[in-house]
Amino acid sequence: MDSRPILNRSLAEFGETIFAEMSALATATGAINLGQGFPDTDGPASIAQAAVDAILSGQNQYPPGLGIEPLRIAIAEHQRRFYGLDFDPDSEVLVTAGATEAIAAALLGLCEPGDEVITLEPYYDSYAACIAMAGARRRIVTLTPPDYSVDLDAFADAIGPRTRLLLINSPHNPTGHVLSQVEREGIARLANEHDLIVVTDEVYEHLVFDGEHVPLASLPGMRARTVTISSAGKMFSFTGWKIGWVCAPPPLLDAVRTAKQYLTFVNGAPFQPAIAHALSLDDDYFVDYLEGMRSRRDRFCDGLKDVGFDVFVPMGTYFVTADIRGFGTDDGRAFCLSLPERCGVVAVPNEVFYDNVDAGRHLIRFAFCKRPEVLDEAITRLGRMSQ
């Protein structure tokens, strides 16, 4: 034990996630937590009641490996209803422990040591860890403000002989960028030309304020090579239930399932029927959910501008990136660590989402998926910095 580090060396660069660190700081200081992306209110009561009913009716043992049939059918119907995509619920849909497990299972099941995975920077922090656990190497295409659009020439240059997989997130966390038609078609063209697998993280698919969410799987040549991932947590505001899913053609789904079954095996038995109910909600729910978040986005972004931040208004998600240099510093981590004591608010430094730390050093991320009165109070507190 003395001659070798205890931690697996592929994980040596990773410690406690920034979300755990900043949420603990919020708890310790009583600050308003705008760091971690979870709402401060639950989703519709009918969904919660469906989970209660499932518990009381005895649906508490292991569900089937793929997920219960009603949920798989509901997921397939959701894909058809919103995007015109047809998936067989018996062979092309897999229920997972949130999108995070789905991403891990996809990378573990589809990559081997020495493979390369291309993803967009800044990236959700689990991407880097999951790529490392698969023994693969990440290659980065950097998105830059103010519009965070994808440089397709840089994307093409990143593809090499060891490239196995593209890991694409749209709507994009943390920038809020939504892929345009040109970007979607460009990425699809490169995937087809180089015969690459594509894994898409689409958890914010129903939070698009500007532009349009179009799954890459719906583009020509992409259905057979795409693993589409989404989640009920962000869609219905029950993040703690950890119900996610994968839609993919059988060969790809089988690879993901093979890895997934040795992670959690199965999960969330009484929550699965509740999410099947949730996916059947009528269009009014999805419209109201989007408009409610749009109102919060506009309210909070205007407030951030008023107190002195340079704000990059997101096209989607419930996160907003802000530049802190107007406050006389470019050290986002130090700024975020000082915020709870200075004004009772928690944010996340964007540098943790970058390989090129300098590119994100001066940027921080806020989550605006909170009650309007909480956002207003956060703006009031942040305003104290300029007093």
Protein backbone atom coordinates (compact mmCIF):
# COMPACT_ATOMS: atom_id res chain seq x y z
CA MET A 1 0.00 0.00 0.00
CA ASP A 2 2.94 2.35 0.56
CA SER A 3 4.15 2.15 -3.03
CA ARG A 4 0.88 2.98 -4.80
CA PRO A 5 -1.78 5.67 -4.26
CA ILE A 6 -4.94 4.32 -2.66
CA LEU A 7 -7.23 6.13 -5.09
CA ASN A 8 -7.47 4.75 -8.61
CA ARG A 9 -5.02 6.90 -10.57
CA SER A 10 -7.55 7.57 -13.32
CA LEU A 11 -9.57 9.49 -10.69
CA ALA A 12 -6.64 11.33 -9.13
CA GLU A 13 -7.67 14.69 -10.60
CA PHE A 14 -11.16 14.45 -9.11
CA GLY A 15 -12.13 15.27 -5.56
CA GLU A 16 -15.42 16.21 -3.96
CA THR A 17 -17.76 17.69 -6.59
CA ILE A 18 -18.13 21.44 -6.59
CA PHE A 19 -21.87 21.00 -6.05
CA ALA A 20 -21.37 19.08 -2.81
CA GLU A 21 -18.76 21.59 -1.67
CA MET A 22 -20.86 24.66 -2.34
CA SER A 23 -24.10 23.14 -1.02
CA ALA A 24 -22.31 22.27 2.22
CA LEU A 25 -21.12 25.87 2.39
CA ALA A 26 -24.70 27.08 1.89
CA THR A 27 -25.90 24.86 4.73
CA ALA A 28 -23.11 25.93 7.05
CA THR A 29 -23.68 29.65 6.47
CA GLY A 30 -27.44 29.73 5.90
CA ALA A 31 -26.84 31.30 2.48
CA ILE A 32 -29.29 31.12 -0.43
CA ASN A 33 -28.09 28.16 -2.52
CA LEU A 34 -28.03 29.18 -6.18
CA GLY A 35 -25.13 26.82 -6.84
CA GLN A 36 -26.65 23.37 -7.20
CA GLY A 37 -29.34 22.87 -9.83
CA PHE A 38 -32.38 21.75 -7.92
CA PRO A 39 -35.72 23.57 -7.52
CA ASP A 40 -36.94 24.72 -4.13
CA THR A 41 -40.49 23.50 -4.85
CA ASP A 42 -41.75 20.09 -5.91
CA GLY A 43 -43.44 19.28 -9.19
CA PRO A 44 -47.16 18.57 -9.68
CA ALA A 45 -48.96 17.00 -6.72
CA SER A 46 -50.48 14.32 -8.96
CA ILE A 47 -47.00 12.95 -9.67
CA ALA A 48 -46.14 12.82 -5.97
CA GLN A 49 -49.48 11.15 -5.26
CA ALA A 50 -48.76 8.53 -7.92
CA ALA A 51 -45.51 7.67 -6.09
CA VAL A 52 -47.34 7.46 -2.75
CA ASP A 53 -49.96 5.20 -4.31
CA ALA A 54 -47.25 2.98 -5.78
CA ILE A 55 -45.55 2.63 -2.38
CA LEU A 56 -48.79 1.83 -0.57
CA SER A 57 -49.85 -0.66 -3.23
CA GLY A 58 -46.64 -2.64 -2.75
CA GLN A 59 -44.53 -1.60 -5.76
CA ASN A 60 -41.39 -1.58 -3.64
CA GLN A 61 -39.31 -4.52 -4.87
CA TYR A 62 -36.85 -4.74 -7.74
CA PRO A 63 -38.38 -3.54 -11.00
CA PRO A 64 -37.41 -5.24 -14.29
CA GLY A 65 -33.89 -4.58 -15.54
CA LEU A 66 -35.05 -2.35 -18.38
CA GLY A 67 -37.55 -0.52 -16.15
CA ILE A 68 -41.26 -1.17 -15.74
CA GLU A 69 -43.18 -1.55 -18.96
CA PRO A 70 -45.58 1.40 -18.40
CA LEU A 71 -42.65 3.77 -17.98
CA ARG A 72 -40.81 2.45 -21.01
CA ILE A 73 -43.98 2.86 -23.06
CA ALA A 74 -44.45 6.39 -21.70
CA ILE A 75 -40.85 7.31 -22.61
CA ALA A 76 -41.32 5.98 -26.15
CA GLU A 77 -44.59 7.90 -26.48
CA HIS A 78 -42.88 11.07 -25.23
CA GLN A 79 -40.23 10.78 -27.94
CA ARG A 80 -42.89 10.27 -30.59
CA ARG A 81 -45.15 13.03 -29.26
CA PHE A 82 -42.53 15.77 -29.13
CA TYR A 83 -40.00 14.76 -31.79
CA GLY A 84 -41.56 12.19 -34.10
CA LEU A 85 -38.99 9.59 -33.05
CA ASP A 86 -40.10 5.96 -32.83
CA PHE A 87 -38.44 3.72 -30.24
CA ASP A 88 -39.45 0.16 -29.34
CA PRO A 89 -40.12 0.21 -25.57
CA ASP A 90 -39.04 -3.45 -25.32
CA SER A 91 -35.66 -3.17 -27.02
CA GLU A 92 -34.74 0.51 -27.34
CA VAL A 93 -35.60 2.09 -23.97
CA LEU A 94 -33.73 1.68 -20.67
CA VAL A 95 -34.61 3.30 -17.32
CA THR A 96 -31.60 4.48 -15.31
CA ALA A 97 -30.72 6.08 -11.97
CA GLY A 98 -30.93 9.56 -13.41
CA ALA A 99 -29.11 10.88 -16.45
CA THR A 100 -25.81 10.78 -14.54
CA GLU A 101 -25.89 6.99 -14.37
CA ALA A 102 -27.01 6.82 -17.99
CA ILE A 103 -23.96 8.84 -19.05
CA ALA A 104 -21.65 6.68 -16.93
CA ALA A 105 -23.14 3.45 -18.30
CA ALA A 106 -22.91 4.73 -21.88
CA LEU A 107 -19.25 5.64 -21.55
CA LEU A 108 -18.34 2.45 -19.67
CA GLY A 109 -20.28 0.28 -22.09
CA LEU A 110 -19.11 1.90 -25.32
CA CYS A 111 -15.51 3.00 -24.69
CA GLU A 112 -12.29 1.12 -24.13
CA PRO A 113 -8.90 2.27 -22.79
CA GLY A 114 -7.21 4.49 -25.34
CA ASP A 115 -10.42 5.65 -27.02
CA GLU A 116 -11.03 9.38 -27.30
CA VAL A 117 -14.26 11.16 -26.42
CA ILE A 118 -14.98 14.63 -27.75
CA THR A 119 -17.15 16.90 -25.66
CA LEU A 120 -17.94 20.59 -25.37
CA GLU A 121 -16.16 22.75 -22.79
CA PRO A 122 -17.35 23.91 -20.28
CA TYR A 123 -18.81 20.52 -19.43
CA TYR A 124 -20.92 19.00 -16.66
CA ASP A 125 -18.33 17.69 -14.21
CA SER A 126 -19.37 14.02 -14.32
CA TYR A 127 -18.39 13.81 -17.99
CA ALA A 128 -14.68 14.04 -17.24
CA ALA A 129 -14.89 11.52 -14.40
CA CYS A 130 -16.90 9.01 -16.42
CA ILE A 131 -14.54 9.29 -19.39
CA ALA A 132 -11.64 8.65 -17.02
CA MET A 133 -13.35 5.63 -15.42
CA ALA A 134 -13.84 4.16 -18.89
CA GLY A 135 -10.10 4.48 -19.49
CA ALA A 136 -10.73 6.88 -22.36
CA ARG A 137 -9.24 10.30 -23.05
CA ARG A 138 -11.27 13.46 -23.36
CA ARG A 139 -10.76 15.95 -26.14
CA ILE A 140 -12.36 19.34 -25.77
CA VAL A 141 -14.02 21.82 -28.08
CA THR A 142 -14.30 25.11 -26.19
CA LEU A 143 -17.44 27.25 -26.31
CA THR A 144 -16.74 30.94 -25.77
CA PRO A 145 -19.01 33.83 -24.76
CA PRO A 146 -21.01 35.77 -25.57
CA ASP A 147 -22.97 33.30 -27.73
CA TYR A 148 -21.15 30.05 -26.83
CA SER A 149 -21.67 28.69 -30.36
CA VAL A 150 -19.85 25.56 -31.56
CA ASP A 151 -16.81 26.15 -33.78
CA LEU A 152 -17.37 23.35 -36.30
CA ASP A 153 -13.86 23.71 -37.73
CA ALA A 154 -12.39 23.19 -34.26
CA PHE A 155 -14.76 20.27 -33.77
CA ALA A 156 -13.56 18.67 -37.01
CA ASP A 157 -9.92 19.23 -36.00
CA ALA A 158 -10.52 17.45 -32.69
CA ILE A 159 -11.51 14.22 -34.43
CA GLY A 160 -8.64 11.78 -34.81
CA PRO A 161 -7.98 8.08 -35.43
CA ARG A 162 -8.78 7.16 -31.81
CA THR A 163 -12.04 9.10 -31.63
CA ARG A 164 -14.80 6.73 -30.57
CA LEU A 165 -17.60 8.90 -29.31
CA LEU A 166 -19.06 12.41 -29.27
CA LEU A 167 -20.67 13.47 -25.99
CA ILE A 168 -23.02 16.35 -26.75
CA ASN A 169 -25.11 18.34 -24.27
CA SER A 170 -27.91 20.59 -25.57
CA PRO A 171 -29.50 22.57 -24.00
CA HIS A 172 -26.04 23.02 -22.56
CA ASN A 173 -25.09 23.15 -18.90
CA PRO A 174 -23.59 25.51 -17.73
CA THR A 175 -23.78 27.99 -20.65
CA GLY A 176 -27.45 27.58 -21.57
CA HIS A 177 -26.55 27.33 -25.27
CA VAL A 178 -29.02 25.51 -27.54
CA LEU A 179 -27.57 24.01 -30.72
CA SER A 180 -28.66 25.81 -33.89
CA GLN A 181 -29.66 24.03 -37.08
CA VAL A 182 -26.22 24.73 -38.55
CA GLU A 183 -24.49 23.32 -35.47
CA ARG A 184 -26.73 20.24 -35.33
CA GLU A 185 -26.24 19.47 -39.00
CA GLY A 186 -22.50 20.07 -38.76
CA ILE A 187 -22.06 17.70 -35.83
CA ALA A 188 -24.25 15.09 -37.53
CA ARG A 189 -22.23 15.39 -40.74
CA LEU A 190 -18.98 14.81 -38.85
CA ALA A 191 -20.42 11.85 -36.95
CA ASN A 192 -21.58 10.23 -40.17
CA GLU A 193 -18.37 10.95 -42.08
CA HIS A 194 -16.20 9.47 -39.34
CA ASP A 195 -18.60 6.69 -38.31
CA LEU A 196 -18.77 7.85 -34.69
CA ILE A 197 -21.13 7.01 -31.85
CA VAL A 198 -22.94 10.02 -30.40
CA VAL A 199 -24.22 10.27 -26.83
CA THR A 200 -26.59 13.19 -26.26
CA ASP A 201 -27.44 14.61 -22.85
CA GLU A 202 -30.85 16.24 -23.31
CA VAL A 203 -32.04 16.63 -19.73
CA TYR A 204 -33.07 20.27 -20.26
CA GLU A 205 -35.03 19.48 -23.43
CA HIS A 206 -38.20 21.18 -22.12
CA LEU A 207 -36.38 24.32 -21.01
CA VAL A 208 -35.63 26.08 -24.29
CA PHE A 209 -36.39 29.81 -24.23
CA ASP A 210 -34.74 30.79 -27.51
CA GLY A 211 -34.22 28.50 -30.48
CA GLU A 212 -35.50 24.95 -30.69
CA HIS A 213 -34.51 21.62 -29.22
CA VAL A 214 -34.11 19.05 -32.00
CA PRO A 215 -32.64 15.67 -30.95
CA LEU A 216 -29.58 14.71 -32.96
CA ALA A 217 -31.13 11.24 -33.33
CA SER A 218 -33.74 12.78 -35.63
CA LEU A 219 -31.19 13.95 -38.22
CA PRO A 220 -30.31 11.89 -41.32
CA GLY A 221 -28.00 8.99 -40.53
CA MET A 222 -28.08 9.61 -36.79
CA ARG A 223 -30.79 7.27 -35.50
CA ALA A 224 -28.54 4.22 -35.72
CA ARG A 225 -25.53 5.82 -34.02
CA THR A 226 -27.07 7.94 -31.25
CA VAL A 227 -27.68 7.23 -27.57
CA THR A 228 -30.27 9.76 -26.37
CA ILE A 229 -30.34 10.48 -22.62
CA SER A 230 -32.86 12.43 -20.58
CA SER A 231 -34.30 12.60 -17.09
CA ALA A 232 -37.45 13.26 -15.10
CA GLY A 233 -35.60 15.26 -12.45
CA LYS A 234 -35.18 18.40 -14.53
CA MET A 235 -38.43 17.86 -16.45
CA PHE A 236 -40.76 17.53 -13.45
CA SER A 237 -38.79 19.01 -10.51
CA PHE A 238 -38.27 15.75 -8.62
CA THR A 239 -34.48 15.67 -8.82
CA GLY A 240 -34.05 13.41 -5.77
CA TRP A 241 -35.98 10.56 -7.36
CA LYS A 242 -33.17 9.92 -9.87
CA ILE A 243 -35.24 8.51 -12.72
CA GLY A 244 -33.54 8.88 -16.08
CA TRP A 245 -33.60 7.00 -19.36
CA VAL A 246 -31.76 6.00 -22.48
CA CYS A 247 -33.25 5.64 -25.97
CA ALA A 248 -31.05 3.94 -28.54
CA PRO A 249 -31.06 1.22 -31.21
CA PRO A 250 -30.66 -2.31 -29.78
CA PRO A 251 -26.89 -2.76 -30.30
CA LEU A 252 -26.11 0.51 -28.51
CA LEU A 253 -28.75 0.01 -25.84
CA ASP A 254 -27.45 -3.47 -25.08
CA ALA A 255 -23.96 -2.05 -24.51
CA VAL A 256 -25.29 0.61 -22.14
CA ARG A 257 -27.48 -1.90 -20.33
CA THR A 258 -24.57 -4.29 -19.84
CA ALA A 259 -22.66 -1.63 -17.94
CA LYS A 260 -25.73 -0.20 -16.15
CA GLN A 261 -26.74 -3.51 -14.59
CA TYR A 262 -23.47 -3.58 -12.63
CA LEU A 263 -23.86 -0.01 -11.38
CA THR A 264 -27.23 0.26 -9.62
CA PHE A 265 -28.78 -2.87 -11.21
CA VAL A 266 -32.23 -1.26 -10.93
CA ASN A 267 -33.65 1.69 -9.01
CA GLY A 268 -36.65 3.75 -7.94
CA ALA A 269 -39.38 1.10 -8.08
CA PRO A 270 -42.27 3.26 -6.76
CA PHE A 271 -41.06 6.35 -8.63
CA GLN A 272 -41.17 4.65 -12.00
CA PRO A 273 -44.99 4.46 -12.24
CA ALA A 274 -45.16 8.06 -11.00
CA ILE A 275 -42.91 9.23 -13.86
CA ALA A 276 -44.96 7.18 -16.32
CA HIS A 277 -47.93 9.27 -15.14
CA ALA A 278 -45.87 12.47 -15.39
CA LEU A 279 -44.94 11.85 -19.02
CA SER A 280 -48.63 11.57 -19.87
CA LEU A 281 -49.42 15.10 -18.63
CA ASP A 282 -50.99 17.30 -21.28
CA ASP A 283 -49.20 20.08 -23.11
CA ASP A 284 -50.35 22.71 -20.61
CA TYR A 285 -47.92 21.38 -18.04
CA PHE A 286 -44.90 21.69 -20.34
CA VAL A 287 -45.95 25.14 -21.56
CA ASP A 288 -46.53 26.45 -18.02
CA TYR A 289 -43.27 24.95 -16.79
CA LEU A 290 -41.31 26.64 -19.57
CA GLU A 291 -43.02 30.01 -19.14
CA GLY A 292 -42.52 29.92 -15.39
CA MET A 293 -38.79 29.35 -15.84
CA ARG A 294 -38.62 31.99 -18.58
CA SER A 295 -40.08 34.52 -16.15
CA ARG A 296 -37.51 33.52 -13.53
CA ARG A 297 -34.69 33.76 -16.07
CA ASP A 298 -35.66 37.26 -17.17
CA ARG A 299 -36.29 38.45 -13.61
CA PHE A 300 -32.98 37.12 -12.29
CA CYS A 301 -30.81 38.12 -15.27
CA ASP A 302 -32.16 41.68 -15.11
CA GLY A 303 -31.39 41.75 -11.39
CA LEU A 304 -27.82 40.51 -11.93
CA LYS A 305 -27.24 43.24 -14.51
CA ASP A 306 -28.60 45.85 -12.13
CA VAL A 307 -26.10 44.91 -9.42
CA GLY A 308 -23.11 45.00 -11.79
CA PHE A 309 -22.63 41.59 -13.38
CA ASP A 310 -21.98 41.12 -17.10
CA VAL A 311 -24.61 38.47 -17.85
CA PHE A 312 -24.79 35.92 -20.68
CA VAL A 313 -28.52 35.32 -20.93
CA PRO A 314 -29.10 31.56 -21.49
CA MET A 315 -31.10 30.19 -24.41
CA GLY A 316 -32.09 27.19 -22.28
CA THR A 317 -31.62 25.33 -18.96
CA TYR A 318 -32.11 27.03 -15.61
CA PHE A 319 -28.56 28.31 -15.23
CA VAL A 320 -27.03 31.67 -16.05
CA THR A 321 -23.34 32.50 -16.44
CA ALA A 322 -22.03 35.85 -15.21
CA ASP A 323 -18.68 37.62 -15.61
CA ILE A 324 -17.28 38.90 -12.28
CA ARG A 325 -14.57 41.22 -13.60
CA GLY A 326 -16.77 44.25 -13.02
CA PHE A 327 -16.19 43.63 -9.31
CA GLY A 328 -12.42 44.02 -9.65
CA THR A 329 -11.44 40.36 -9.69
CA ASP A 330 -11.09 37.51 -12.16
CA ASP A 331 -10.83 34.69 -9.58
CA GLY A 332 -14.21 32.96 -9.74
CA ARG A 333 -13.40 30.32 -7.14
CA ALA A 334 -12.28 32.84 -4.54
CA PHE A 335 -15.26 35.03 -5.40
CA CYS A 336 -17.73 32.16 -4.89
CA LEU A 337 -16.08 31.04 -1.65
CA SER A 338 -16.39 34.58 -0.30
CA LEU A 339 -20.01 35.18 -1.37
CA PRO A 340 -21.75 33.40 1.53
CA GLU A 341 -19.97 35.54 4.11
CA ARG A 342 -20.13 38.73 2.05
CA CYS A 343 -23.81 38.62 1.16
CA GLY A 344 -25.37 35.23 1.95
CA VAL A 345 -25.55 33.76 -1.57
CA VAL A 346 -23.90 30.64 -3.06
CA ALA A 347 -22.85 30.32 -6.71
CA VAL A 348 -20.50 27.96 -8.54
CA PRO A 349 -17.18 28.92 -10.19
CA ASN A 350 -17.20 27.92 -13.84
CA GLU A 351 -13.51 27.06 -13.90
CA VAL A 352 -14.39 23.62 -12.54
CA PHE A 353 -16.14 22.87 -15.83
CA TYR A 354 -13.03 23.55 -17.93
CA ASP A 355 -9.79 21.82 -18.81
CA ASN A 356 -8.56 25.25 -19.87
CA VAL A 357 -9.13 26.79 -16.45
CA ASP A 358 -8.14 30.27 -17.59
CA ALA A 359 -11.04 30.32 -20.08
CA GLY A 360 -13.56 30.00 -17.23
CA ARG A 361 -11.66 31.64 -14.39
CA HIS A 362 -13.65 34.89 -14.46
CA LEU A 363 -17.07 33.26 -14.84
CA ILE A 364 -19.57 31.97 -12.28
CA ARG A 365 -22.87 30.12 -12.57
CA PHE A 366 -26.15 30.75 -10.79
CA ALA A 367 -29.22 28.47 -10.77
CA PHE A 368 -32.51 30.36 -11.12
CA CYS A 369 -34.86 27.39 -10.55
CA LYS A 370 -36.05 28.95 -7.27
CA ARG A 371 -39.17 30.75 -6.12
CA PRO A 372 -39.37 34.34 -7.39
CA GLU A 373 -39.20 35.76 -3.88
CA VAL A 374 -36.00 33.79 -3.24
CA LEU A 375 -34.44 35.15 -6.44
CA ASP A 376 -35.45 38.68 -5.44
CA GLU A 377 -33.86 38.25 -2.02
CA ALA A 378 -30.69 36.88 -3.63
CA ILE A 379 -30.46 39.96 -5.87
CA THR A 380 -30.98 42.24 -2.85
CA ARG A 381 -28.15 40.48 -1.05
CA LEU A 382 -25.83 40.54 -4.08
CA GLY A 383 -26.49 44.26 -4.37
CA ARG A 384 -24.69 44.77 -1.07
CA MET A 385 -21.38 44.09 -2.81
CA SER A 386 -21.55 47.39 -4.68
CA GLN A 387 -22.66 49.46 -1.71
